[in-house]
Amino acid sequence: MEGSSYIIAEPNSTVIGLLGQSVEIRCLAGGNPKPFVTWWRGDQILPMKDERYEISRDHLLLIKKLELFDLGLYVCQAYNSVGKPVSVTVTLKARVATRPQNEDDEKYLQYIVTGDYDNSTQTTLRPPPSTQT
């Protein structure tokens, strides 16, 4: 049975990484037919793979080395031939306080997280049950 694309995520979700380390952002997307999934940063679509990013077959976005300028909003968008595209926005923040290297970096300081951080807690979301008519 065909169904429009969906993404399972909390609205306005946040991922917290460590500067200088790799970080993963998940996009749990599905639909029938299988949707085409893209990751966006601002008005730019992210490449499937380059020196900074890698997007896996299961739509996981890997940032290979988190830098201050990587912090901010990312959008996962899913679309198939049924229905409209759906998207979710994820805010990427970092735990380590740092000083900006230049004036351009100051706008990213709003995404720095202070205090304790526990990366051991992860929630796995499941697709909604299919409804048969």
N, C-alpha and C. Protein backbone atom coordinates (compact mmCIF):
# COMPACT_ATOMS: atom_id res chain seq x y z
N MET A 1 0.84 -1.17 0.00
CA MET A 1 0.00 0.00 0.00
C MET A 1 0.89 1.24 0.00
N GLU A 2 0.57 2.18 -0.86
CA GLU A 2 1.36 3.41 -0.94
C GLU A 2 0.99 4.36 0.17
N GLY A 3 1.98 5.12 0.60
CA GLY A 3 1.76 6.13 1.63
C GLY A 3 2.77 7.24 1.49
N SER A 4 2.38 8.43 1.88
CA SER A 4 3.28 9.56 1.75
C SER A 4 4.47 9.43 2.69
N SER A 5 5.47 10.22 2.44
CA SER A 5 6.70 10.21 3.24
C SER A 5 6.41 10.66 4.66
N TYR A 6 7.21 10.17 5.58
CA TYR A 6 7.13 10.62 6.97
C TYR A 6 8.53 10.66 7.56
N ILE A 7 8.67 11.48 8.58
CA ILE A 7 9.90 11.55 9.37
C ILE A 7 9.49 11.45 10.82
N ILE A 8 10.13 10.57 11.55
CA ILE A 8 9.84 10.41 12.97
C ILE A 8 10.89 11.19 13.75
N ALA A 9 10.45 12.23 14.41
CA ALA A 9 11.37 13.07 15.18
C ALA A 9 10.57 13.96 16.13
N GLU A 10 11.23 14.37 17.17
CA GLU A 10 10.65 15.36 18.07
C GLU A 10 10.74 16.72 17.37
N PRO A 11 9.69 17.54 17.48
CA PRO A 11 9.80 18.87 16.90
C PRO A 11 10.89 19.67 17.61
N ASN A 12 11.61 20.44 16.86
CA ASN A 12 12.68 21.28 17.40
C ASN A 12 13.70 20.47 18.20
N SER A 13 14.15 19.35 17.65
CA SER A 13 15.11 18.52 18.36
C SER A 13 16.51 19.13 18.31
N THR A 14 17.33 18.71 19.26
CA THR A 14 18.69 19.23 19.40
C THR A 14 19.66 18.06 19.51
N VAL A 15 20.78 18.18 18.84
CA VAL A 15 21.89 17.23 18.97
C VAL A 15 23.07 18.02 19.51
N ILE A 16 23.73 17.44 20.51
CA ILE A 16 24.89 18.11 21.12
C ILE A 16 26.13 17.26 20.86
N GLY A 17 27.14 17.90 20.29
CA GLY A 17 28.39 17.22 19.99
C GLY A 17 29.55 17.88 20.72
N LEU A 18 30.72 17.35 20.49
CA LEU A 18 31.94 17.90 21.07
C LEU A 18 32.78 18.51 19.95
N LEU A 19 33.20 19.74 20.14
CA LEU A 19 34.04 20.37 19.13
C LEU A 19 35.30 19.53 18.91
N GLY A 20 35.67 19.36 17.65
CA GLY A 20 36.84 18.58 17.30
C GLY A 20 36.58 17.10 17.13
N GLN A 21 35.38 16.63 17.48
CA GLN A 21 35.01 15.22 17.36
C GLN A 21 33.97 15.07 16.25
N SER A 22 33.71 13.83 15.84
CA SER A 22 32.65 13.58 14.87
C SER A 22 31.31 13.62 15.59
N VAL A 23 30.26 13.91 14.84
CA VAL A 23 28.90 13.93 15.39
C VAL A 23 27.94 13.41 14.33
N GLU A 24 26.91 12.69 14.80
CA GLU A 24 25.91 12.12 13.90
C GLU A 24 24.55 12.75 14.18
N ILE A 25 23.82 13.03 13.10
CA ILE A 25 22.44 13.51 13.21
C ILE A 25 21.58 12.53 12.42
N ARG A 26 20.60 11.96 13.09
CA ARG A 26 19.75 10.94 12.47
C ARG A 26 18.48 11.55 11.87
N CYS A 27 18.04 10.93 10.79
CA CYS A 27 16.77 11.29 10.17
C CYS A 27 16.03 9.99 9.89
N LEU A 28 15.04 9.68 10.72
CA LEU A 28 14.27 8.45 10.57
C LEU A 28 13.11 8.71 9.62
N ALA A 29 13.37 8.48 8.33
CA ALA A 29 12.39 8.76 7.29
C ALA A 29 11.92 7.47 6.65
N GLY A 30 10.69 7.47 6.20
CA GLY A 30 10.13 6.31 5.52
C GLY A 30 8.96 6.70 4.66
N GLY A 31 8.35 5.71 4.07
CA GLY A 31 7.20 5.90 3.19
C GLY A 31 7.18 4.80 2.16
N ASN A 32 6.10 4.73 1.41
CA ASN A 32 5.98 3.75 0.34
C ASN A 32 5.37 4.44 -0.87
N PRO A 33 6.14 4.65 -1.91
CA PRO A 33 7.51 4.17 -2.13
C PRO A 33 8.53 4.87 -1.23
N LYS A 34 9.69 4.24 -1.11
CA LYS A 34 10.76 4.77 -0.28
C LYS A 34 11.08 6.21 -0.71
N PRO A 35 11.15 7.12 0.26
CA PRO A 35 11.36 8.53 -0.11
C PRO A 35 12.81 8.84 -0.47
N PHE A 36 12.97 9.91 -1.21
CA PHE A 36 14.27 10.51 -1.49
C PHE A 36 14.53 11.47 -0.34
N VAL A 37 15.66 11.32 0.35
CA VAL A 37 15.95 12.12 1.54
C VAL A 37 17.17 12.99 1.29
N THR A 38 17.07 14.26 1.67
CA THR A 38 18.18 15.19 1.54
C THR A 38 18.39 15.92 2.86
N TRP A 39 19.63 16.34 3.08
CA TRP A 39 19.98 17.18 4.22
C TRP A 39 20.31 18.58 3.72
N TRP A 40 19.84 19.59 4.42
CA TRP A 40 20.05 20.98 4.04
C TRP A 40 20.67 21.76 5.19
N ARG A 41 21.49 22.72 4.84
CA ARG A 41 22.03 23.70 5.79
C ARG A 41 21.78 25.06 5.16
N GLY A 42 20.84 25.81 5.74
CA GLY A 42 20.43 27.06 5.11
C GLY A 42 19.76 26.74 3.78
N ASP A 43 20.18 27.42 2.72
CA ASP A 43 19.62 27.15 1.39
C ASP A 43 20.51 26.24 0.56
N GLN A 44 21.46 25.57 1.21
CA GLN A 44 22.40 24.68 0.51
C GLN A 44 22.10 23.22 0.84
N ILE A 45 22.00 22.39 -0.20
CA ILE A 45 21.86 20.96 0.01
C ILE A 45 23.25 20.39 0.33
N LEU A 46 23.32 19.50 1.30
CA LEU A 46 24.62 18.93 1.67
C LEU A 46 24.98 17.79 0.74
N PRO A 47 26.26 17.64 0.44
CA PRO A 47 26.69 16.55 -0.45
C PRO A 47 26.56 15.20 0.24
N MET A 48 26.44 14.15 -0.54
CA MET A 48 26.38 12.80 0.01
C MET A 48 27.68 12.44 0.72
N LYS A 49 28.79 12.94 0.18
CA LYS A 49 30.09 12.66 0.79
C LYS A 49 31.11 13.66 0.29
N ASP A 50 31.83 14.26 1.23
CA ASP A 50 32.98 15.09 0.89
C ASP A 50 33.92 15.08 2.09
N GLU A 51 34.85 16.01 2.15
CA GLU A 51 35.84 16.00 3.24
C GLU A 51 35.23 16.34 4.60
N ARG A 52 34.05 16.96 4.65
CA ARG A 52 33.42 17.36 5.92
C ARG A 52 32.23 16.49 6.31
N TYR A 53 31.43 16.10 5.30
CA TYR A 53 30.17 15.41 5.55
C TYR A 53 30.12 14.04 4.89
N GLU A 54 29.26 13.20 5.47
CA GLU A 54 28.94 11.92 4.84
C GLU A 54 27.51 11.56 5.23
N ILE A 55 26.69 11.22 4.24
CA ILE A 55 25.31 10.83 4.49
C ILE A 55 25.20 9.35 4.15
N SER A 56 24.76 8.56 5.13
CA SER A 56 24.68 7.11 4.94
C SER A 56 23.38 6.72 4.24
N ARG A 57 23.28 5.44 3.90
CA ARG A 57 22.09 4.93 3.21
C ARG A 57 20.84 5.04 4.08
N ASP A 58 21.03 5.05 5.41
CA ASP A 58 19.87 5.17 6.31
C ASP A 58 19.66 6.63 6.75
N HIS A 59 20.18 7.57 5.97
CA HIS A 59 19.93 9.02 6.11
C HIS A 59 20.63 9.66 7.31
N LEU A 60 21.61 9.00 7.86
CA LEU A 60 22.37 9.56 8.98
C LEU A 60 23.39 10.54 8.42
N LEU A 61 23.40 11.75 8.97
CA LEU A 61 24.37 12.77 8.56
C LEU A 61 25.54 12.71 9.54
N LEU A 62 26.72 12.46 9.02
CA LEU A 62 27.94 12.43 9.82
C LEU A 62 28.75 13.68 9.50
N ILE A 63 29.04 14.45 10.54
CA ILE A 63 29.98 15.56 10.41
C ILE A 63 31.29 15.03 10.98
N LYS A 64 32.30 14.93 10.15
CA LYS A 64 33.52 14.21 10.51
C LYS A 64 34.33 14.87 11.62
N LYS A 65 34.37 16.19 11.65
CA LYS A 65 35.07 16.91 12.71
C LYS A 65 34.30 18.19 12.98
N LEU A 66 33.61 18.23 14.12
CA LEU A 66 32.74 19.35 14.46
C LEU A 66 33.54 20.60 14.74
N GLU A 67 33.25 21.64 13.98
CA GLU A 67 33.88 22.95 14.14
C GLU A 67 32.81 23.95 14.55
N LEU A 68 33.23 25.08 15.06
CA LEU A 68 32.30 26.11 15.52
C LEU A 68 31.33 26.51 14.41
N PHE A 69 31.82 26.65 13.19
CA PHE A 69 30.96 27.09 12.09
C PHE A 69 29.97 26.02 11.63
N ASP A 70 30.08 24.79 12.15
CA ASP A 70 29.11 23.74 11.84
C ASP A 70 27.84 23.86 12.68
N LEU A 71 27.90 24.60 13.77
CA LEU A 71 26.77 24.69 14.69
C LEU A 71 25.62 25.47 14.07
N GLY A 72 24.42 25.06 14.43
CA GLY A 72 23.25 25.76 13.91
C GLY A 72 22.18 24.79 13.46
N LEU A 73 21.38 25.22 12.50
CA LEU A 73 20.20 24.48 12.06
C LEU A 73 20.50 23.62 10.84
N TYR A 74 19.99 22.39 10.88
CA TYR A 74 20.05 21.44 9.77
C TYR A 74 18.63 20.95 9.51
N VAL A 75 18.31 20.71 8.24
CA VAL A 75 16.97 20.26 7.87
C VAL A 75 17.08 18.96 7.10
N CYS A 76 16.34 17.95 7.56
CA CYS A 76 16.20 16.70 6.83
C CYS A 76 14.86 16.75 6.11
N GLN A 77 14.88 16.49 4.80
CA GLN A 77 13.66 16.55 4.00
C GLN A 77 13.46 15.22 3.29
N ALA A 78 12.23 14.71 3.31
CA ALA A 78 11.89 13.45 2.65
C ALA A 78 10.74 13.68 1.69
N TYR A 79 10.84 13.04 0.52
CA TYR A 79 9.78 13.18 -0.48
C TYR A 79 9.69 11.91 -1.30
N ASN A 80 8.46 11.47 -1.53
CA ASN A 80 8.22 10.43 -2.52
C ASN A 80 7.11 10.92 -3.44
N SER A 81 6.66 10.09 -4.34
CA SER A 81 5.68 10.54 -5.33
C SER A 81 4.27 10.65 -4.77
N VAL A 82 4.09 10.30 -3.50
CA VAL A 82 2.77 10.37 -2.86
C VAL A 82 2.79 11.49 -1.83
N GLY A 83 1.90 12.44 -1.96
CA GLY A 83 1.82 13.51 -0.96
C GLY A 83 2.87 14.59 -1.16
N LYS A 84 3.03 15.40 -0.09
CA LYS A 84 3.95 16.53 -0.11
C LYS A 84 5.25 16.18 0.61
N PRO A 85 6.32 16.92 0.32
CA PRO A 85 7.56 16.70 1.07
C PRO A 85 7.35 17.01 2.56
N VAL A 86 8.06 16.29 3.40
CA VAL A 86 8.05 16.55 4.84
C VAL A 86 9.47 16.85 5.29
N SER A 87 9.60 17.61 6.35
CA SER A 87 10.94 17.95 6.82
C SER A 87 10.94 18.10 8.33
N VAL A 88 12.13 18.01 8.90
CA VAL A 88 12.34 18.24 10.31
C VAL A 88 13.62 19.06 10.47
N THR A 89 13.60 19.98 11.41
CA THR A 89 14.76 20.82 11.69
C THR A 89 15.43 20.34 12.96
N VAL A 90 16.75 20.20 12.90
CA VAL A 90 17.56 19.78 14.04
C VAL A 90 18.57 20.89 14.32
N THR A 91 18.68 21.27 15.59
CA THR A 91 19.66 22.26 16.00
C THR A 91 20.90 21.54 16.50
N LEU A 92 22.04 21.84 15.92
CA LEU A 92 23.31 21.25 16.34
C LEU A 92 24.03 22.22 17.26
N LYS A 93 24.31 21.73 18.48
CA LYS A 93 25.02 22.54 19.48
C LYS A 93 26.28 21.80 19.91
N ALA A 94 27.16 22.52 20.60
CA ALA A 94 28.40 21.92 21.11
C ALA A 94 28.50 22.17 22.60
N ARG A 95 29.21 21.29 23.28
CA ARG A 95 29.33 21.34 24.72
C ARG A 95 30.49 22.19 25.19
N VAL A 96 31.50 22.34 24.39
CA VAL A 96 32.72 23.01 24.82
C VAL A 96 32.64 24.50 24.57
N ALA A 97 32.89 25.30 25.61
CA ALA A 97 32.94 26.75 25.44
C ALA A 97 34.24 27.11 24.73
N THR A 98 34.16 28.02 23.84
CA THR A 98 35.34 28.42 23.07
C THR A 98 35.25 29.90 22.75
N ARG A 99 36.36 30.46 22.39
CA ARG A 99 36.38 31.85 21.95
C ARG A 99 36.33 31.86 20.42
N PRO A 100 35.58 32.81 19.88
CA PRO A 100 35.52 32.87 18.42
C PRO A 100 36.87 33.25 17.83
N GLN A 101 37.17 32.66 16.69
CA GLN A 101 38.42 32.96 15.98
C GLN A 101 38.35 34.29 15.26
N ASN A 102 37.13 34.70 14.86
CA ASN A 102 36.94 35.95 14.15
C ASN A 102 35.50 36.43 14.34
N GLU A 103 35.17 37.60 13.81
CA GLU A 103 33.83 38.16 13.98
C GLU A 103 32.75 37.27 13.39
N ASP A 104 33.03 36.61 12.29
CA ASP A 104 32.04 35.74 11.65
C ASP A 104 31.63 34.59 12.56
N ASP A 105 32.55 34.12 13.41
CA ASP A 105 32.26 32.99 14.30
C ASP A 105 31.36 33.36 15.47
N GLU A 106 31.24 34.65 15.80
CA GLU A 106 30.46 35.06 16.97
C GLU A 106 29.00 34.63 16.87
N LYS A 107 28.44 34.56 15.68
CA LYS A 107 27.04 34.19 15.54
C LYS A 107 26.77 32.74 15.93
N TYR A 108 27.83 31.91 16.01
CA TYR A 108 27.65 30.50 16.37
C TYR A 108 27.71 30.27 17.88
N LEU A 109 28.12 31.26 18.65
CA LEU A 109 28.25 31.09 20.10
C LEU A 109 26.91 30.79 20.78
N GLN A 110 25.80 31.17 20.16
CA GLN A 110 24.50 30.87 20.73
C GLN A 110 24.23 29.37 20.81
N TYR A 111 25.00 28.56 20.08
CA TYR A 111 24.80 27.12 20.05
C TYR A 111 25.75 26.37 20.99
N ILE A 112 26.51 27.08 21.80
CA ILE A 112 27.41 26.45 22.76
C ILE A 112 26.61 26.09 24.02
N VAL A 113 26.79 24.87 24.50
CA VAL A 113 26.09 24.37 25.67
C VAL A 113 27.06 24.32 26.82
N THR A 114 26.63 24.80 27.98
CA THR A 114 27.48 24.74 29.16
C THR A 114 26.91 23.74 30.15
N GLY A 115 27.73 23.29 31.10
CA GLY A 115 27.27 22.34 32.10
C GLY A 115 27.56 20.91 31.69
N ASP A 116 27.02 19.98 32.47
CA ASP A 116 27.26 18.56 32.22
C ASP A 116 26.50 18.10 30.99
N TYR A 117 27.07 17.12 30.34
CA TYR A 117 26.49 16.57 29.12
C TYR A 117 26.63 15.07 29.17
N ASP A 118 25.54 14.36 28.99
CA ASP A 118 25.55 12.90 29.00
C ASP A 118 25.13 12.42 27.63
N ASN A 119 26.06 11.86 26.88
CA ASN A 119 25.79 11.38 25.53
C ASN A 119 25.29 9.94 25.53
N SER A 120 25.15 9.33 26.70
CA SER A 120 24.77 7.93 26.75
C SER A 120 23.27 7.71 26.57
N THR A 121 22.46 8.75 26.67
CA THR A 121 21.02 8.61 26.55
C THR A 121 20.60 8.88 25.12
N GLN A 122 20.08 7.85 24.46
CA GLN A 122 19.57 8.01 23.11
C GLN A 122 18.21 7.36 23.02
N THR A 123 17.31 7.97 22.30
CA THR A 123 15.98 7.43 22.13
C THR A 123 15.84 6.89 20.72
N THR A 124 15.31 5.68 20.61
CA THR A 124 15.03 5.12 19.30
C THR A 124 13.56 5.26 19.03
N LEU A 125 13.23 5.92 17.94
CA LEU A 125 11.84 6.13 17.58
C LEU A 125 11.44 5.12 16.52
N ARG A 126 10.25 4.63 16.59
CA ARG A 126 9.74 3.64 15.65
C ARG A 126 8.71 4.28 14.73
N PRO A 127 8.55 3.73 13.50
CA PRO A 127 7.53 4.28 12.59
C PRO A 127 6.14 4.07 13.18
N PRO A 128 5.20 4.93 12.80
CA PRO A 128 3.84 4.74 13.29
C PRO A 128 3.26 3.45 12.72
N PRO A 129 2.33 2.80 13.43
CA PRO A 129 1.74 1.58 12.90
C PRO A 129 0.98 1.90 11.63
N SER A 130 1.03 0.96 10.68
CA SER A 130 0.32 1.19 9.42
C SER A 130 -1.16 0.97 9.65
N THR A 131 -1.95 1.77 8.97
CA THR A 131 -3.40 1.63 9.08
C THR A 131 -3.90 0.99 7.82
N GLN A 132 -4.71 -0.03 7.98
CA GLN A 132 -5.25 -0.72 6.82
C GLN A 132 -6.70 -0.33 6.66
N THR A 133 -7.10 -0.08 5.41
CA THR A 133 -8.48 0.31 5.16
C THR A 133 -9.17 -0.74 4.34
